[in-house]
Amino acid sequence: MTSETDNDTSISKGLFFRLSGTGKDIWETNRPRPTTVQLVDQKRFHGEVRDISRGIVDNGIYIASYAPRAVEVALEKAQKENVNIEFEVVNMLDDLSKTNLKQHSHDAILDSAIFHAFSNDERLAYIKNLEYLIKPNGLYIQIVYSEKETHETISRRMKKSDLNELFSSKHGWTIESVEGTLYVMLFEGELYFH
């Protein structure tokens, strides 16, 4: 696998944990991503769905309405929306067989801008955990920043060739499609589409 940047390090975990769940980071827009809305409209989610995310789980709450602090905020929001949803905080880089998560228990997994933030080695551990969680023939939807992303705050980007290699049939995956989409972030109170 080639590195999409010269720097093969994950994002600053200190910064990530200081901002996650506060509603103050650029990825917390207090609404589901347009891509998530589109996927729900297309009825792509069914059965047991896991939203692997950082922040206050707007995508998970939106999906559930149709089919540490961050969890508290998400639970409050879910109660206000009157949806049935469960939350669990896990480190997707740890051995998931040592958690309460059951093997092959999810029909669909949504990864909204998590994967690209990991180093190359962390990505391999993450993929192993995806394989642990997802049912055979389950659906994994990944939203990442591509090599076409130009915004300076995005430190890691994914090449299509790297995705094709990591999720190839020789590794037991079938890629249905790789598509461009808009990703919404919040900069200084303003929505930013890219």
Protein backbone atom coordinates (compact mmCIF):
# COMPACT_ATOMS: atom_id res chain seq x y z
CA MET A 1 0.00 0.00 0.00
CA THR A 2 1.28 3.44 -0.81
CA SER A 3 0.96 6.23 1.69
CA GLU A 4 -1.43 8.98 0.62
CA THR A 5 0.65 11.54 2.48
CA ASP A 6 4.28 11.73 3.46
CA ASN A 7 3.16 11.71 7.08
CA ASP A 8 1.86 8.26 8.10
CA THR A 9 0.58 9.28 11.51
CA SER A 10 -2.93 9.39 12.83
CA ILE A 11 -4.53 12.67 13.85
CA SER A 12 -3.66 14.14 17.24
CA LYS A 13 -5.56 12.01 19.74
CA GLY A 14 -5.30 14.74 22.39
CA LEU A 15 -7.02 17.26 20.14
CA PHE A 16 -9.55 14.68 19.02
CA PHE A 17 -10.61 13.77 22.56
CA ARG A 18 -10.69 17.40 23.72
CA LEU A 19 -13.16 18.31 20.97
CA SER A 20 -15.22 15.13 20.49
CA GLY A 21 -18.69 15.38 21.93
CA THR A 22 -18.47 19.07 22.69
CA GLY A 23 -20.35 20.15 19.58
CA LYS A 24 -17.41 22.45 18.82
CA ASP A 25 -15.47 20.44 16.28
CA ILE A 26 -15.77 20.81 12.54
CA TRP A 27 -17.37 17.38 12.06
CA GLU A 28 -20.19 18.02 14.54
CA THR A 29 -22.87 19.77 12.48
CA ASN A 30 -25.91 18.73 14.57
CA ARG A 31 -27.51 17.05 11.58
CA PRO A 32 -26.95 13.85 9.61
CA ARG A 33 -24.60 14.03 6.65
CA PRO A 34 -26.30 14.46 3.25
CA THR A 35 -24.73 11.15 2.21
CA THR A 36 -26.39 9.42 5.18
CA VAL A 37 -29.77 10.89 4.26
CA GLN A 38 -29.29 9.69 0.68
CA LEU A 39 -28.35 6.17 1.85
CA VAL A 40 -31.41 6.01 4.11
CA ASP A 41 -33.61 7.17 1.23
CA GLN A 42 -32.09 4.38 -0.88
CA LYS A 43 -32.93 1.89 1.93
CA ARG A 44 -29.29 0.80 2.21
CA PHE A 45 -29.49 0.24 5.98
CA HIS A 46 -31.34 -2.75 7.41
CA GLY A 47 -31.16 -5.03 10.43
CA GLU A 48 -28.47 -4.30 13.01
CA VAL A 49 -26.61 -1.12 12.05
CA ARG A 50 -23.47 0.28 13.70
CA ASP A 51 -22.42 3.89 13.21
CA ILE A 52 -18.70 4.02 13.88
CA SER A 53 -18.20 7.68 14.51
CA ARG A 54 -16.61 10.37 16.54
CA GLY A 55 -18.62 13.10 18.09
CA ILE A 56 -22.32 13.24 18.88
CA VAL A 57 -23.68 10.51 16.57
CA ASP A 58 -26.02 12.54 14.33
CA ASN A 59 -25.79 9.86 11.61
CA GLY A 60 -26.63 7.02 14.03
CA ILE A 61 -29.62 8.89 15.42
CA TYR A 62 -30.85 9.64 11.91
CA ILE A 63 -30.48 6.00 10.81
CA ALA A 64 -32.22 4.76 13.98
CA SER A 65 -35.15 7.11 13.37
CA TYR A 66 -35.74 5.19 10.17
CA ALA A 67 -34.76 1.71 10.74
CA PRO A 68 -17.88 9.45 27.56
CA ARG A 69 -19.69 12.94 26.96
CA ALA A 70 -20.47 12.25 23.33
CA VAL A 71 -22.65 9.31 24.38
CA GLU A 72 -24.52 11.45 26.93
CA VAL A 73 -25.27 14.12 24.32
CA ALA A 74 -26.25 11.48 21.77
CA LEU A 75 -28.60 9.76 24.25
CA GLU A 76 -30.26 13.08 25.08
CA LYS A 77 -30.69 13.82 21.37
CA ALA A 78 -32.05 10.31 20.71
CA GLN A 79 -34.59 10.70 23.51
CA LYS A 80 -35.74 14.03 22.07
CA GLU A 81 -36.07 12.38 18.64
CA ASN A 82 -37.91 9.44 20.26
CA VAL A 83 -35.71 6.78 18.61
CA ASN A 84 -34.60 3.39 19.88
CA ILE A 85 -30.81 3.34 19.80
CA GLU A 86 -28.00 1.92 21.94
CA PHE A 87 -24.54 3.43 22.31
CA GLU A 88 -21.29 1.82 23.29
CA VAL A 89 -17.88 3.44 23.46
CA VAL A 90 -15.16 1.16 22.14
CA ASN A 91 -11.74 1.70 20.70
CA MET A 92 -11.96 0.28 17.19
CA LEU A 93 -8.23 -0.41 17.28
CA ASP A 94 -8.45 -2.73 20.33
CA ASP A 95 -9.29 -6.44 20.23
CA LEU A 96 -13.09 -6.38 19.97
CA SER A 97 -13.40 -10.00 21.05
CA LYS A 98 -12.67 -8.70 24.57
CA THR A 99 -15.66 -6.30 24.50
CA ASN A 100 -19.42 -6.79 24.72
CA LEU A 101 -19.68 -6.59 20.93
CA LYS A 102 -20.71 -9.85 19.31
CA GLN A 103 -18.91 -11.36 16.34
CA HIS A 104 -20.72 -11.06 13.00
CA SER A 105 -23.58 -9.18 14.64
CA HIS A 106 -24.06 -6.25 12.24
CA ASP A 107 -25.82 -6.18 8.89
CA ALA A 108 -24.45 -2.73 8.05
CA ILE A 109 -21.66 -0.49 9.35
CA LEU A 110 -21.35 3.21 8.56
CA ASP A 111 -17.90 4.78 8.92
CA SER A 112 -18.25 8.53 8.57
CA ALA A 113 -14.76 10.01 8.25
CA ILE A 114 -12.98 7.77 10.74
CA PHE A 115 -10.84 5.49 8.55
CA HIS A 116 -8.74 8.20 6.90
CA ALA A 117 -7.61 9.51 10.31
CA PHE A 118 -5.70 6.33 11.20
CA SER A 119 -2.08 5.53 10.39
CA ASN A 120 -1.53 2.71 7.90
CA ASP A 121 -0.89 0.17 10.69
CA GLU A 122 -3.96 1.33 12.61
CA ARG A 123 -6.05 0.86 9.48
CA LEU A 124 -5.13 -2.83 9.36
CA ALA A 125 -6.25 -3.30 12.99
CA TYR A 126 -9.45 -1.40 12.22
CA ILE A 127 -10.22 -3.58 9.19
CA LYS A 128 -9.69 -6.70 11.29
CA ASN A 129 -12.31 -5.37 13.72
CA LEU A 130 -14.70 -4.57 10.89
CA GLU A 131 -14.38 -8.20 9.81
CA TYR A 132 -15.16 -9.24 13.40
CA LEU A 133 -18.32 -7.10 13.58
CA ILE A 134 -19.93 -7.42 10.18
CA LYS A 135 -22.07 -10.37 9.13
CA PRO A 136 -21.03 -12.36 6.06
CA ASN A 137 -22.27 -10.40 3.03
CA GLY A 138 -22.90 -7.40 5.28
CA LEU A 139 -22.58 -3.83 4.06
CA TYR A 140 -19.73 -1.51 5.08
CA ILE A 141 -20.13 2.10 3.96
CA GLN A 142 -17.04 4.24 4.31
CA ILE A 143 -16.89 8.00 3.92
CA VAL A 144 -13.31 9.26 3.71
CA TYR A 145 -11.43 12.29 2.47
CA SER A 146 -10.01 11.51 -0.93
CA GLU A 147 -6.75 12.58 -2.47
CA LYS A 148 -8.80 15.29 -4.22
CA GLU A 149 -9.54 17.07 -0.92
CA THR A 150 -7.81 20.46 -0.81
CA HIS A 151 -8.85 21.92 2.55
CA GLU A 152 -5.76 22.52 4.69
CA THR A 153 -7.30 21.19 7.93
CA ILE A 154 -7.51 17.66 6.48
CA SER A 155 -4.19 16.02 7.28
CA ARG A 156 -4.84 12.53 5.84
CA ARG A 157 -6.43 11.56 2.55
CA MET A 158 -7.16 8.24 0.87
CA LYS A 159 -6.18 7.18 -2.61
CA LYS A 160 -8.71 5.11 -4.50
CA SER A 161 -5.94 2.60 -5.28
CA ASP A 162 -5.27 2.17 -1.53
CA LEU A 163 -8.96 1.53 -0.83
CA ASN A 164 -9.07 -0.99 -3.69
CA GLU A 165 -6.06 -2.79 -2.22
CA LEU A 166 -7.17 -2.77 1.43
CA PHE A 167 -10.72 -3.90 0.61
CA SER A 168 -9.88 -6.24 -2.29
CA SER A 169 -11.37 -9.67 -2.93
CA LYS A 170 -8.06 -11.25 -1.91
CA HIS A 171 -8.79 -9.86 1.57
CA GLY A 172 -12.38 -11.13 1.49
CA TRP A 173 -14.12 -7.89 0.54
CA THR A 174 -16.26 -6.94 -2.44
CA ILE A 175 -16.31 -3.26 -3.40
CA GLU A 176 -19.69 -2.29 -4.84
CA SER A 177 -18.65 1.23 -5.73
CA VAL A 178 -16.35 4.13 -4.94
CA GLU A 179 -18.15 7.42 -5.44
CA GLY A 180 -17.53 11.09 -4.86
CA THR A 181 -19.81 12.92 -2.46
CA LEU A 182 -20.07 16.12 -0.45
CA TYR A 183 -18.97 16.11 3.16
CA VAL A 184 -20.35 18.81 5.44
CA MET A 185 -18.24 20.38 8.17
CA LEU A 186 -18.68 23.39 10.42
CA PHE A 187 -16.11 26.19 10.33
CA GLU A 188 -16.57 29.11 12.73
CA GLY A 189 -20.33 28.60 12.80
CA GLU A 190 -20.60 28.30 9.01
CA LEU A 191 -21.46 25.08 7.18
CA TYR A 192 -18.77 24.06 4.72
CA PHE A 193 -19.48 21.60 1.89
CA HIS A 194 -16.62 19.81 0.16
